[in-house]
């Protein structure tokens, strides 16, 4: 059990240091973005569902609630609407635990200014991720809280360049 706690603490420390190092200019692409987003959650692998006890609809509800509380409308993800993308991948550890990577991205249509014809593609314009390790018991809560923390970073970045009116 002590080994699990040490792994979890080390994972948290490194992910926090990693996040803060990459975060310096993450909010610039968010400037003047309309306050409406779609939400797309990658299908959860069976390990994430079974071992970590994750539920895709609960994750969606968590994200959508945070967006709405920040004044961002949640709309159906379409080809023209920016969307927040969540990807979670988990593996079992040898000490009856679960290790997960959690990635939150903002994807939207972009166009290259050096092209003569207007041509758009979907690209990631904001991204933050973390790695966690936790015992199987309580894994769902820990994964959900880690995901919520990443969404909070996104919302802080968004609101820093798009203050509420």
Protein backbone atom coordinates (compact mmCIF):
# COMPACT_ATOMS: atom_id res chain seq x y z
CA UNK A 1 0.00 0.00 0.00
CA UNK A 2 2.89 2.35 0.80
CA UNK A 3 4.35 1.62 -2.61
CA UNK A 4 1.04 2.62 -4.30
CA UNK A 5 0.99 5.90 -2.37
CA UNK A 6 4.60 6.62 -3.31
CA UNK A 7 3.88 5.91 -6.99
CA UNK A 8 0.76 8.11 -6.90
CA UNK A 9 2.60 10.96 -5.17
CA UNK A 10 5.52 10.77 -7.58
CA UNK A 11 3.18 10.64 -10.56
CA UNK A 12 1.27 13.68 -9.28
CA UNK A 13 4.49 15.64 -8.68
CA UNK A 14 5.89 14.94 -12.13
CA UNK A 15 2.59 15.61 -13.87
CA UNK A 16 2.24 18.92 -12.02
CA UNK A 17 5.77 19.96 -12.95
CA UNK A 18 5.21 18.81 -16.55
CA UNK A 19 1.94 20.73 -16.82
CA UNK A 20 3.33 23.97 -15.41
CA UNK A 21 6.30 23.85 -17.76
CA UNK A 22 4.12 23.55 -20.85
CA UNK A 23 1.46 25.97 -19.77
CA UNK A 24 3.11 29.35 -20.36
CA UNK A 25 1.42 30.42 -23.65
CA UNK A 26 -1.52 28.01 -23.78
CA UNK A 27 -4.23 30.67 -23.59
CA UNK A 28 -3.38 32.72 -26.71
CA UNK A 29 -5.35 30.55 -29.20
CA UNK A 30 -8.43 30.93 -26.97
CA UNK A 31 -8.73 34.69 -27.43
CA UNK A 32 -12.07 35.82 -28.94
CA UNK A 33 -13.38 32.26 -29.08
CA UNK A 34 -17.21 32.17 -28.94
CA UNK A 35 -18.56 30.84 -25.62
CA UNK A 36 -19.93 27.58 -27.02
CA UNK A 37 -18.27 24.20 -27.25
CA UNK A 38 -19.06 20.63 -28.12
CA UNK A 39 -17.79 17.78 -25.96
CA UNK A 40 -16.30 14.64 -27.46
CA UNK A 41 -15.22 11.74 -25.27
CA UNK A 42 -13.15 8.98 -26.78
CA UNK A 43 -14.62 5.52 -26.19
CA UNK A 44 -13.27 4.17 -22.96
CA UNK A 45 -11.14 1.02 -23.22
CA UNK A 46 -12.49 -1.95 -21.26
CA UNK A 47 -9.69 -1.69 -18.67
CA UNK A 48 -10.72 1.87 -17.87
CA UNK A 49 -14.35 0.86 -17.53
CA UNK A 50 -13.83 -2.35 -15.57
CA UNK A 51 -10.78 -1.69 -13.42
CA UNK A 52 -11.10 2.05 -12.81
CA UNK A 53 -14.91 1.98 -12.68
CA UNK A 54 -15.30 4.84 -15.16
CA UNK A 55 -18.58 5.72 -16.80
CA UNK A 56 -18.57 7.74 -20.02
CA UNK A 57 -21.87 9.48 -19.30
CA UNK A 58 -20.63 10.58 -15.86
CA UNK A 59 -17.45 12.02 -17.40
CA UNK A 60 -19.56 13.91 -19.96
CA UNK A 61 -21.79 15.29 -17.22
CA UNK A 62 -18.73 16.41 -15.21
CA UNK A 63 -17.26 18.30 -18.19
CA UNK A 64 -20.53 19.84 -19.36
CA UNK A 65 -21.38 21.09 -15.86
CA UNK A 66 -18.00 22.80 -15.51
CA UNK A 67 -18.39 24.46 -18.92
CA UNK A 68 -21.89 25.72 -18.13
CA UNK A 69 -20.84 27.06 -14.73
CA UNK A 70 -18.13 29.05 -16.52
CA UNK A 71 -20.68 30.57 -18.92
CA UNK A 72 -19.86 28.38 -21.91
CA UNK A 73 -22.82 26.85 -23.77
CA UNK A 74 -22.59 23.17 -24.55
CA UNK A 75 -23.65 22.32 -28.10
CA UNK A 76 -23.56 19.23 -30.27
CA UNK A 77 -20.07 18.74 -31.69
CA UNK A 78 -20.12 19.34 -35.44
CA UNK A 79 -17.63 20.05 -38.18
CA UNK A 80 -17.67 23.79 -37.51
CA UNK A 81 -18.00 23.93 -33.73
CA UNK A 82 -14.91 23.86 -31.50
CA UNK A 83 -15.02 20.95 -29.09
CA UNK A 84 -13.35 19.79 -25.93
CA UNK A 85 -11.95 16.28 -26.41
CA UNK A 86 -11.27 13.84 -23.56
CA UNK A 87 -9.13 10.73 -23.90
CA UNK A 88 -8.45 8.39 -20.98
CA UNK A 89 -6.28 5.28 -21.22
CA UNK A 90 -5.69 3.00 -18.25
CA UNK A 91 -3.63 -0.08 -17.53
CA UNK A 92 -3.53 -2.39 -14.55
CA UNK A 93 -0.42 -2.17 -12.38
CA UNK A 94 1.26 -5.09 -10.68
CA UNK A 95 0.21 -3.87 -7.24
CA UNK A 96 -3.58 -4.12 -7.80
CA UNK A 97 -3.78 -0.58 -8.99
CA UNK A 98 -4.52 1.40 -12.11
CA UNK A 99 -2.31 3.82 -14.03
CA UNK A 100 -4.04 6.24 -16.40
CA UNK A 101 -3.17 8.93 -18.88
CA UNK A 102 -5.78 11.69 -19.10
CA UNK A 103 -5.73 14.16 -21.97
CA UNK A 104 -8.03 17.16 -22.51
CA UNK A 105 -7.77 19.04 -25.82
CA UNK A 106 -9.57 21.84 -27.59
CA UNK A 107 -9.97 21.07 -31.27
CA UNK A 108 -11.34 23.51 -33.81
CA UNK A 109 -11.29 24.46 -37.47
CA UNK A 110 -8.16 26.31 -38.50
CA UNK A 111 -6.92 27.62 -41.81
CA UNK A 112 -3.38 28.11 -43.00
CA UNK A 113 -2.69 31.72 -43.96
CA UNK A 114 -0.10 30.82 -46.61
CA UNK A 115 -2.68 28.97 -48.73
CA UNK A 116 -4.37 30.91 -51.50
CA UNK A 117 -7.65 28.97 -51.44
CA UNK A 118 -9.60 28.93 -48.17
CA UNK A 119 -9.02 25.49 -46.77
CA UNK A 120 -9.77 24.46 -43.20
CA UNK A 121 -8.73 21.49 -41.11
CA UNK A 122 -9.43 20.43 -37.56
CA UNK A 123 -6.46 20.99 -35.27
CA UNK A 124 -5.70 20.92 -31.57
CA UNK A 125 -5.24 24.50 -30.36
CA UNK A 126 -5.02 23.81 -26.61
CA UNK A 127 -3.97 20.68 -24.75
CA UNK A 128 -3.19 19.55 -21.24
CA UNK A 129 -2.63 16.06 -19.91
CA UNK A 130 -1.55 14.16 -16.85
CA UNK A 131 -0.49 10.69 -15.74
CA UNK A 132 -1.84 9.17 -12.56
CA UNK A 133 -1.45 5.96 -10.61
CA UNK A 134 -3.92 4.91 -7.95
CA UNK A 135 -5.17 1.82 -6.12
CA UNK A 136 -8.18 0.19 -7.77
CA UNK A 137 -10.44 1.15 -4.88
CA UNK A 138 -11.32 4.79 -5.37
CA UNK A 139 -9.80 4.91 -8.86
CA UNK A 140 -12.96 6.33 -10.43
CA UNK A 141 -13.04 9.33 -8.08
CA UNK A 142 -9.33 10.00 -8.51
CA UNK A 143 -9.51 9.82 -12.32
CA UNK A 144 -12.61 12.04 -12.41
CA UNK A 145 -11.00 14.62 -10.10
CA UNK A 146 -7.83 14.65 -12.23
CA UNK A 147 -9.94 15.18 -15.36
CA UNK A 148 -11.87 17.99 -13.67
CA UNK A 149 -8.59 19.65 -12.70
CA UNK A 150 -7.52 19.66 -16.36
CA UNK A 151 -10.86 21.16 -17.41
CA UNK A 152 -10.35 23.83 -14.73
CA UNK A 153 -6.98 24.73 -16.26
CA UNK A 154 -8.68 25.06 -19.65
CA UNK A 155 -11.43 27.26 -18.18
CA UNK A 156 -8.91 29.47 -16.40
CA UNK A 157 -7.01 29.93 -19.65
CA UNK A 158 -10.21 30.62 -21.57
CA UNK A 159 -11.52 33.14 -19.04
CA UNK A 160 -8.13 34.88 -18.78
CA UNK A 161 -8.49 36.04 -22.42
CA UNK A 162 -12.31 36.08 -22.62
CA UNK A 163 -13.55 37.68 -19.38
CA UNK A 164 -17.21 37.25 -18.54
CA UNK A 165 -19.29 40.25 -19.50
